[in-house]
Structure formats: C-alpha cells, structure tokens
Amino acid sequence: MPRVSQAEKARNHQRIIEEASRQIRSNGIEGLGIADLMKSVGMTHGGFYRHFKDKEDLAVAAINHAFDAFCAKLEKEIEELGSKQALQAFIDRYLSAEHVKNPSIGCPASALNGEAGRCSALEKAAISDGVSKVEELLGNALSDLQRARAIAPETLFSLLLGTVALARSSNTGPEAEQVLANTNVLLVELGVLG
C-alpha cells in the first residue's frame, strides 16, 4: 500500500472533521458512528485511528470546526456589512424555515442544545466555548442603543436558540413558521430589528 503524503493526510483529516461536524449537527454526538463516518468519506474504519485518538477526540474537533465555521460567516458579515446589517442577516438566517429544517448545516448550538447534559466534559467544554464565541460576536453587532435597552448578547442568543428549538418541535410547517414570526415581531419591538 502506498504511503500517503503529509498534505494528503491533512486533507483527509479535514474531510473527516467536516463530515463529522455535519453528522453531529444532524444526528447528535451519540449518533456519530465511526464506521459510517469513515465510509462516507471513502476511507476505512481502521484509518480513523491514524487521525484521532478516539470518538471523543473527533467529536471535540468537529464541534470546534462547526462553531468556527458558523462564527466566521457572522464575523465576515460584520466587517463587510456593518453591525446593523450583519445582525439583520444573521437573525434572518437563524429564524428561517431552512435553518429549522436543516440542522446539519446550521448553528451547532441549536443542533446540540440537548447534548450538553449527556456528553463528556471535553465535548461540553467545546460546546460552551462555541456558544461564548457566538455571544461575543453578537455583542459586537449589537448597538449601544440595544445594549441600553438591556438586550445582552446572551439574552438574544437564548431567544434565538429557544425559538429554533420550539419551531423544530412543532407538528406542522405553519406552526413552525408562526413561532419564527412571533420572535421576529418581538425583536422588532425590542429594537433589535427594524
């Protein structure tokens, strides 16, 4: 069997992390199966251990990757659009039917919000660190006026997380859409949107 170059090993490592990131947002940490994951990236189960110590090691890397990618988009929008427009775009995306229906491509916090109580200490720390990064970026995007109205980034993010959780648990599309619409109205009333 030919040896894999360091560059190829690094690309394979990244492919595994990216796919694991998608899978844990879709199926949860417990739903992440190593054999299925490796098959989905065209590698063998045995090859996994050339990249990661164990499943927990992979899960932490995947959680970190998911939050880094999620935060990078908001950070870029803040730089390019300015705080107000970036915050509007972020909330529009967050409170969209697409985000509700597709946890595998959305916010890792909303996809993993029920996992933190059941996962390992290292996985929980990765989730907590990721949530802190999102809250910090939201704090950067909130204006002084919004802060004066006591809208803390943690409060805003909690509202968004709860809204998506309720929308995902709704029985029908119209119910989910109503949950999303109600939060949008509240955010306009609070002066966050508008």
Protein backbone atom coordinates (compact mmCIF):
# COMPACT_ATOMS: atom_id res chain seq x y z
CA MET A 1 0.00 0.00 0.00
CA PRO A 2 1.49 3.38 -1.00
CA ARG A 3 2.24 5.90 1.71
CA VAL A 4 0.05 8.98 1.94
CA SER A 5 1.82 12.34 1.82
CA GLN A 6 1.52 14.72 4.77
CA ALA A 7 -0.56 17.07 2.59
CA GLU A 8 -2.95 14.27 1.67
CA LYS A 9 -3.16 13.17 5.32
CA ALA A 10 -4.04 16.76 6.30
CA ARG A 11 -6.75 16.92 3.60
CA ASN A 12 -8.19 13.59 4.76
CA HIS A 13 -8.13 14.78 8.36
CA GLN A 14 -10.06 17.93 7.38
CA ARG A 15 -12.60 15.92 5.34
CA ILE A 16 -13.26 13.68 8.35
CA ILE A 17 -13.77 16.69 10.65
CA GLU A 18 -16.08 18.45 8.19
CA GLU A 19 -18.24 15.37 7.68
CA ALA A 20 -18.30 14.64 11.43
CA SER A 21 -19.33 18.24 12.02
CA ARG A 22 -22.26 17.83 9.65
CA GLN A 23 -23.23 14.46 11.13
CA ILE A 24 -23.20 15.56 14.78
CA ARG A 25 -25.41 18.55 13.93
CA SER A 26 -27.77 16.18 12.15
CA ASN A 27 -27.70 13.13 14.46
CA GLY A 28 -26.12 14.32 17.69
CA ILE A 29 -22.83 13.22 19.21
CA GLU A 30 -24.20 9.82 20.20
CA GLY A 31 -25.44 9.31 16.64
CA LEU A 32 -21.94 9.71 15.22
CA GLY A 33 -20.77 6.27 14.10
CA ILE A 34 -17.11 5.91 13.22
CA ALA A 35 -17.57 3.14 10.64
CA ASP A 36 -20.33 5.02 8.81
CA LEU A 37 -18.41 8.29 9.00
CA MET A 38 -15.28 6.80 7.51
CA LYS A 39 -17.26 5.06 4.79
CA SER A 40 -18.95 8.38 3.90
CA VAL A 41 -15.53 9.98 3.29
CA GLY A 42 -14.25 6.97 1.34
CA MET A 43 -11.87 5.68 3.99
CA THR A 44 -11.64 2.57 6.14
CA HIS A 45 -12.67 2.29 9.75
CA GLY A 46 -9.10 1.38 10.70
CA GLY A 47 -7.83 4.59 9.11
CA PHE A 48 -9.73 6.60 11.70
CA TYR A 49 -7.10 5.93 14.36
CA ARG A 50 -4.36 7.50 12.24
CA HIS A 51 -6.23 10.77 12.67
CA PHE A 52 -7.93 10.68 16.08
CA LYS A 53 -7.30 9.09 19.45
CA ASP A 54 -10.96 8.14 19.89
CA LYS A 55 -14.51 9.24 19.14
CA GLU A 56 -14.41 11.95 21.82
CA ASP A 57 -11.30 13.45 20.22
CA LEU A 58 -13.12 13.59 16.88
CA ALA A 59 -16.31 14.98 18.43
CA VAL A 60 -14.41 17.86 20.07
CA ALA A 61 -12.66 18.65 16.77
CA ALA A 62 -15.98 18.51 14.91
CA ILE A 63 -17.75 20.75 17.44
CA ASN A 64 -14.91 23.28 17.28
CA HIS A 65 -14.98 23.21 13.48
CA ALA A 66 -18.75 23.70 13.37
CA PHE A 67 -18.62 26.73 15.66
CA ASP A 68 -15.57 28.21 13.90
CA ALA A 69 -17.27 27.98 10.50
CA PHE A 70 -20.54 29.34 11.88
CA CYS A 71 -18.82 32.28 13.59
CA ALA A 72 -16.60 33.05 10.58
CA LYS A 73 -19.64 33.88 8.48
CA LEU A 74 -21.03 36.33 11.06
CA GLU A 75 -17.61 37.87 11.63
CA LYS A 76 -17.13 38.40 7.89
CA GLU A 77 -20.58 39.98 7.58
CA ILE A 78 -19.89 42.36 10.47
CA GLU A 79 -16.71 43.50 8.70
CA GLU A 80 -18.30 43.79 5.26
CA LEU A 81 -21.85 44.95 6.01
CA GLY A 82 -21.51 46.73 9.32
CA SER A 83 -23.06 45.70 12.61
CA LYS A 84 -26.71 46.52 11.93
CA GLN A 85 -26.97 44.80 8.54
CA ALA A 86 -24.88 41.84 9.69
CA LEU A 87 -27.13 41.33 12.71
CA GLN A 88 -30.23 41.54 10.49
CA ALA A 89 -28.78 38.99 8.05
CA PHE A 90 -27.77 36.68 10.90
CA ILE A 91 -31.21 36.77 12.52
CA ASP A 92 -32.98 36.34 9.18
CA ARG A 93 -30.88 33.24 8.50
CA TYR A 94 -31.24 31.93 12.04
CA LEU A 95 -35.01 32.32 12.15
CA SER A 96 -35.58 30.80 8.72
CA ALA A 97 -37.52 27.68 7.80
CA GLU A 98 -34.37 26.40 6.10
CA HIS A 99 -32.40 26.57 9.35
CA VAL A 100 -35.21 24.86 11.24
CA LYS A 101 -35.42 22.03 8.67
CA ASN A 102 -31.66 21.53 8.21
CA PRO A 103 -29.76 21.32 11.50
CA SER A 104 -26.81 19.65 9.75
CA ILE A 105 -25.88 22.93 8.02
CA GLY A 106 -26.98 25.39 10.70
CA CYS A 107 -25.99 26.61 14.11
CA PRO A 108 -24.16 23.97 16.13
CA ALA A 109 -25.62 25.35 19.38
CA SER A 110 -29.20 24.85 18.19
CA ALA A 111 -28.37 21.38 16.84
CA LEU A 112 -26.56 20.30 20.01
CA ASN A 113 -28.59 22.15 22.65
CA GLY A 114 -29.89 18.92 24.16
CA GLU A 115 -26.49 17.20 24.06
CA ALA A 116 -24.57 19.22 26.64
CA GLY A 117 -26.12 17.42 29.60
CA ARG A 118 -25.27 13.98 28.23
CA CYS A 119 -21.85 14.42 26.66
CA SER A 120 -18.34 14.23 28.06
CA ALA A 121 -16.70 17.12 29.89
CA LEU A 122 -14.45 17.85 26.89
CA GLU A 123 -17.38 17.86 24.47
CA LYS A 124 -19.39 20.06 26.83
CA ALA A 125 -16.47 22.48 27.11
CA ALA A 126 -16.24 22.68 23.30
CA ILE A 127 -19.97 23.47 23.07
CA SER A 128 -19.68 26.08 25.84
CA ASP A 129 -16.67 27.72 24.20
CA GLY A 130 -18.52 27.81 20.87
CA VAL A 131 -21.59 29.42 22.43
CA SER A 132 -19.33 32.04 24.04
CA LYS A 133 -17.82 32.85 20.61
CA VAL A 134 -21.28 33.36 19.10
CA GLU A 135 -22.37 35.53 22.01
CA GLU A 136 -19.21 37.63 21.74
CA LEU A 137 -19.87 38.25 18.04
CA LEU A 138 -23.50 39.12 18.75
CA GLY A 139 -22.27 41.54 21.39
CA ASN A 140 -20.03 43.15 18.78
CA ALA A 141 -23.02 43.53 16.45
CA LEU A 142 -25.47 44.94 18.99
CA SER A 143 -25.58 48.71 19.04
CA ASP A 144 -25.21 50.89 22.11
CA LEU A 145 -28.93 51.65 21.92
CA GLN A 146 -29.81 47.98 22.01
CA ARG A 147 -27.45 47.46 24.94
CA ALA A 148 -29.06 50.40 26.74
CA ARG A 149 -32.36 48.55 26.46
CA ALA A 150 -30.70 45.71 28.37
CA ILE A 151 -30.51 43.35 25.42
CA ALA A 152 -27.49 41.30 26.29
CA PRO A 153 -25.94 39.06 23.65
CA GLU A 154 -26.66 36.05 25.89
CA THR A 155 -30.33 37.04 26.06
CA LEU A 156 -30.59 37.47 22.31
CA PHE A 157 -28.87 34.15 21.61
CA SER A 158 -31.06 32.35 24.17
CA LEU A 159 -34.16 33.75 22.46
CA LEU A 160 -32.93 32.60 19.05
CA LEU A 161 -31.98 29.13 20.34
CA GLY A 162 -35.31 28.68 22.08
CA THR A 163 -37.24 29.81 19.03
CA VAL A 164 -35.49 27.31 16.77
CA ALA A 165 -35.99 24.53 19.34
CA LEU A 166 -39.73 25.27 19.52
CA ALA A 167 -40.03 25.54 15.76
CA ARG A 168 -38.26 22.19 15.31
CA SER A 169 -40.64 20.55 17.78
CA SER A 170 -43.77 21.91 16.05
CA ASN A 171 -46.10 19.44 14.40
CA THR A 172 -46.57 21.35 11.16
CA GLY A 173 -44.80 23.82 8.92
CA PRO A 174 -47.34 26.55 9.63
CA GLU A 175 -46.86 26.13 13.39
CA ALA A 176 -43.09 26.40 12.99
CA GLU A 177 -43.47 29.47 10.78
CA GLN A 178 -45.68 31.11 13.40
CA VAL A 179 -43.09 30.51 16.12
CA LEU A 180 -40.43 32.14 13.92
CA ALA A 181 -42.72 35.06 13.02
CA ASN A 182 -43.59 35.71 16.68
CA THR A 183 -39.93 36.05 17.60
CA ASN A 184 -39.32 38.38 14.65
CA VAL A 185 -42.14 40.63 15.88
CA LEU A 186 -40.67 40.62 19.40
CA LEU A 187 -37.20 41.52 18.07
CA VAL A 188 -38.68 44.48 16.17
CA GLU A 189 -40.50 45.62 19.32
CA LEU A 190 -37.26 45.36 21.30
CA GLY A 191 -35.42 47.44 18.72
CA VAL A 192 -33.06 44.65 17.69
CA LEU A 193 -34.54 44.51 14.19
CA GLY A 194 -36.19 47.13 12.11
